[in-house]
Amino acid sequence: MSTVVDCPTCGKKVAWTIENTYRPFCSERCKKIDLGAWAEEKYTIPAVNLPEDPDEDLSQSNLQ
């Protein structure tokens, strides 16, 4: 029995098998749509703003 996942682009159910060369996508079209979204920077990874001096943040949190 193969694992079934949702296509990240359209949501269609897709069998995760060797025969599916586009996995996790259902088709080449969905794969290209996703690649285009990355190229247009539609997807972002949120940045964490860390303090420049990690010790400074710890000393301030101990005061509270």
N, C-alpha and C. Protein backbone atom coordinates (compact mmCIF):
# COMPACT_ATOMS: atom_id res chain seq x y z
N MET A 1 0.84 -1.18 0.00
CA MET A 1 0.00 0.00 0.00
C MET A 1 0.89 1.24 0.00
N SER A 2 0.60 2.19 -0.90
CA SER A 2 1.41 3.40 -1.00
C SER A 2 0.80 4.53 -0.18
N THR A 3 1.64 5.47 0.16
CA THR A 3 1.20 6.63 0.89
C THR A 3 0.50 7.59 -0.08
N VAL A 4 -0.55 8.20 0.38
CA VAL A 4 -1.30 9.16 -0.43
C VAL A 4 -1.13 10.54 0.22
N VAL A 5 -0.72 11.52 -0.60
CA VAL A 5 -0.53 12.89 -0.12
C VAL A 5 -1.38 13.84 -0.96
N ASP A 6 -1.55 15.05 -0.47
CA ASP A 6 -2.26 16.09 -1.23
C ASP A 6 -1.24 16.85 -2.07
N CYS A 7 -1.57 17.10 -3.32
CA CYS A 7 -0.73 17.92 -4.19
C CYS A 7 -0.62 19.31 -3.54
N PRO A 8 0.60 19.82 -3.34
CA PRO A 8 0.75 21.13 -2.69
C PRO A 8 0.12 22.27 -3.48
N THR A 9 -0.06 22.11 -4.77
CA THR A 9 -0.60 23.18 -5.61
C THR A 9 -2.12 23.15 -5.70
N CYS A 10 -2.69 22.00 -6.04
CA CYS A 10 -4.14 21.94 -6.27
C CYS A 10 -4.90 21.16 -5.22
N GLY A 11 -4.21 20.38 -4.40
CA GLY A 11 -4.87 19.63 -3.34
C GLY A 11 -5.37 18.25 -3.74
N LYS A 12 -5.18 17.87 -5.00
CA LYS A 12 -5.62 16.56 -5.47
C LYS A 12 -4.84 15.46 -4.74
N LYS A 13 -5.49 14.34 -4.47
CA LYS A 13 -4.84 13.20 -3.81
C LYS A 13 -3.85 12.56 -4.79
N VAL A 14 -2.63 12.29 -4.32
CA VAL A 14 -1.57 11.75 -5.17
C VAL A 14 -0.91 10.58 -4.45
N ALA A 15 -0.74 9.47 -5.15
CA ALA A 15 -0.03 8.32 -4.59
C ALA A 15 1.47 8.60 -4.63
N TRP A 16 2.13 8.41 -3.51
CA TRP A 16 3.58 8.62 -3.41
C TRP A 16 4.27 7.33 -3.84
N THR A 17 4.47 7.19 -5.15
CA THR A 17 5.08 6.00 -5.71
C THR A 17 6.20 6.37 -6.66
N ILE A 18 7.05 5.42 -6.98
CA ILE A 18 8.15 5.64 -7.92
C ILE A 18 7.61 6.00 -9.30
N GLU A 19 6.47 5.45 -9.66
CA GLU A 19 5.88 5.73 -10.97
C GLU A 19 5.46 7.19 -11.13
N ASN A 20 5.15 7.85 -10.04
CA ASN A 20 4.74 9.26 -10.09
C ASN A 20 6.00 10.13 -10.07
N THR A 21 6.46 10.51 -11.26
CA THR A 21 7.72 11.26 -11.36
C THR A 21 7.57 12.70 -10.89
N TYR A 22 6.34 13.17 -10.68
CA TYR A 22 6.12 14.55 -10.25
C TYR A 22 5.87 14.67 -8.75
N ARG A 23 5.94 13.57 -8.01
CA ARG A 23 5.61 13.61 -6.59
C ARG A 23 6.40 14.70 -5.87
N PRO A 24 5.86 15.43 -4.98
CA PRO A 24 4.54 15.29 -4.37
C PRO A 24 3.43 15.94 -5.18
N PHE A 25 3.73 16.41 -6.39
CA PHE A 25 2.72 17.06 -7.22
C PHE A 25 1.97 16.02 -8.04
N CYS A 26 0.78 16.40 -8.52
CA CYS A 26 -0.02 15.47 -9.31
C CYS A 26 0.36 15.50 -10.78
N SER A 27 1.00 16.58 -11.23
CA SER A 27 1.31 16.72 -12.65
C SER A 27 2.49 17.67 -12.84
N GLU A 28 2.99 17.68 -14.07
CA GLU A 28 4.07 18.62 -14.39
C GLU A 28 3.57 20.06 -14.27
N ARG A 29 2.32 20.28 -14.63
CA ARG A 29 1.73 21.62 -14.55
C ARG A 29 1.79 22.15 -13.12
N CYS A 30 1.34 21.35 -12.16
CA CYS A 30 1.36 21.78 -10.76
C CYS A 30 2.79 22.00 -10.27
N LYS A 31 3.70 21.17 -10.72
CA LYS A 31 5.10 21.31 -10.33
C LYS A 31 5.66 22.64 -10.84
N LYS A 32 5.32 23.01 -12.08
CA LYS A 32 5.80 24.26 -12.67
C LYS A 32 5.14 25.48 -12.03
N ILE A 33 3.89 25.36 -11.66
CA ILE A 33 3.22 26.46 -10.95
C ILE A 33 3.94 26.74 -9.63
N ASP A 34 4.29 25.68 -8.91
CA ASP A 34 4.99 25.84 -7.64
C ASP A 34 6.37 26.45 -7.85
N LEU A 35 7.09 25.98 -8.86
CA LEU A 35 8.41 26.53 -9.16
C LEU A 35 8.31 28.01 -9.51
N GLY A 36 7.30 28.38 -10.28
CA GLY A 36 7.08 29.79 -10.62
C GLY A 36 6.81 30.64 -9.40
N ALA A 37 6.06 30.10 -8.45
CA ALA A 37 5.78 30.84 -7.22
C ALA A 37 7.07 31.10 -6.43
N TRP A 38 7.95 30.10 -6.38
CA TRP A 38 9.25 30.29 -5.72
C TRP A 38 10.06 31.35 -6.46
N ALA A 39 10.08 31.28 -7.79
CA ALA A 39 10.86 32.23 -8.60
C ALA A 39 10.36 33.66 -8.41
N GLU A 40 9.05 33.83 -8.23
CA GLU A 40 8.47 35.15 -8.01
C GLU A 40 8.50 35.57 -6.55
N GLU A 41 9.14 34.76 -5.72
CA GLU A 41 9.31 35.03 -4.28
C GLU A 41 7.97 35.18 -3.57
N LYS A 42 6.99 34.36 -3.98
CA LYS A 42 5.69 34.36 -3.31
C LYS A 42 5.75 33.60 -1.99
N TYR A 43 6.71 32.71 -1.86
CA TYR A 43 6.90 31.97 -0.61
C TYR A 43 8.03 32.64 0.17
N THR A 44 7.85 32.78 1.45
CA THR A 44 8.90 33.35 2.28
C THR A 44 9.06 32.51 3.54
N ILE A 45 10.23 32.57 4.07
CA ILE A 45 10.53 31.93 5.35
C ILE A 45 10.70 33.05 6.36
N PRO A 46 9.87 33.10 7.40
CA PRO A 46 9.96 34.20 8.34
C PRO A 46 11.30 34.22 9.05
N ALA A 47 11.85 35.41 9.20
CA ALA A 47 13.12 35.57 9.89
C ALA A 47 12.87 35.82 11.37
N VAL A 48 13.78 35.35 12.16
CA VAL A 48 13.72 35.60 13.59
C VAL A 48 14.76 36.67 13.89
N ASN A 49 14.32 37.76 14.46
CA ASN A 49 15.24 38.84 14.80
C ASN A 49 15.86 38.57 16.16
N LEU A 50 17.05 38.04 16.13
CA LEU A 50 17.77 37.74 17.36
C LEU A 50 18.55 38.97 17.81
N PRO A 51 18.72 39.16 19.11
CA PRO A 51 19.54 40.29 19.56
C PRO A 51 20.98 40.08 19.13
N GLU A 52 21.69 41.18 18.91
CA GLU A 52 23.08 41.07 18.49
C GLU A 52 23.92 40.42 19.58
N ASP A 53 23.61 40.72 20.83
CA ASP A 53 24.35 40.14 21.94
C ASP A 53 23.40 39.23 22.72
N PRO A 54 23.51 37.91 22.55
CA PRO A 54 22.57 37.00 23.23
C PRO A 54 22.59 37.14 24.75
N ASP A 55 23.74 37.49 25.33
CA ASP A 55 23.82 37.65 26.78
C ASP A 55 22.99 38.84 27.26
N GLU A 56 22.88 39.87 26.43
CA GLU A 56 22.10 41.05 26.79
C GLU A 56 20.64 40.68 26.95
N ASP A 57 20.10 39.86 26.05
CA ASP A 57 18.71 39.45 26.11
C ASP A 57 18.44 38.63 27.37
N LEU A 58 19.37 37.76 27.74
CA LEU A 58 19.19 36.94 28.94
C LEU A 58 19.20 37.78 30.19
N SER A 59 20.08 38.76 30.27
CA SER A 59 20.17 39.57 31.48
C SER A 59 18.93 40.44 31.63
N GLN A 60 18.33 40.91 30.53
CA GLN A 60 17.12 41.72 30.60
C GLN A 60 15.92 40.87 31.03
N SER A 61 15.86 39.63 30.58
CA SER A 61 14.72 38.79 30.94
C SER A 61 14.79 38.38 32.40
N ASN A 62 15.98 38.34 32.99
CA ASN A 62 16.12 37.99 34.41
C ASN A 62 15.68 39.12 35.29
N LEU A 63 15.69 40.37 34.80
CA LEU A 63 15.30 41.53 35.58
C LEU A 63 13.78 41.60 35.75
N GLN A 64 13.04 41.01 34.86
CA GLN A 64 11.58 41.13 34.89
C GLN A 64 10.96 40.16 35.83
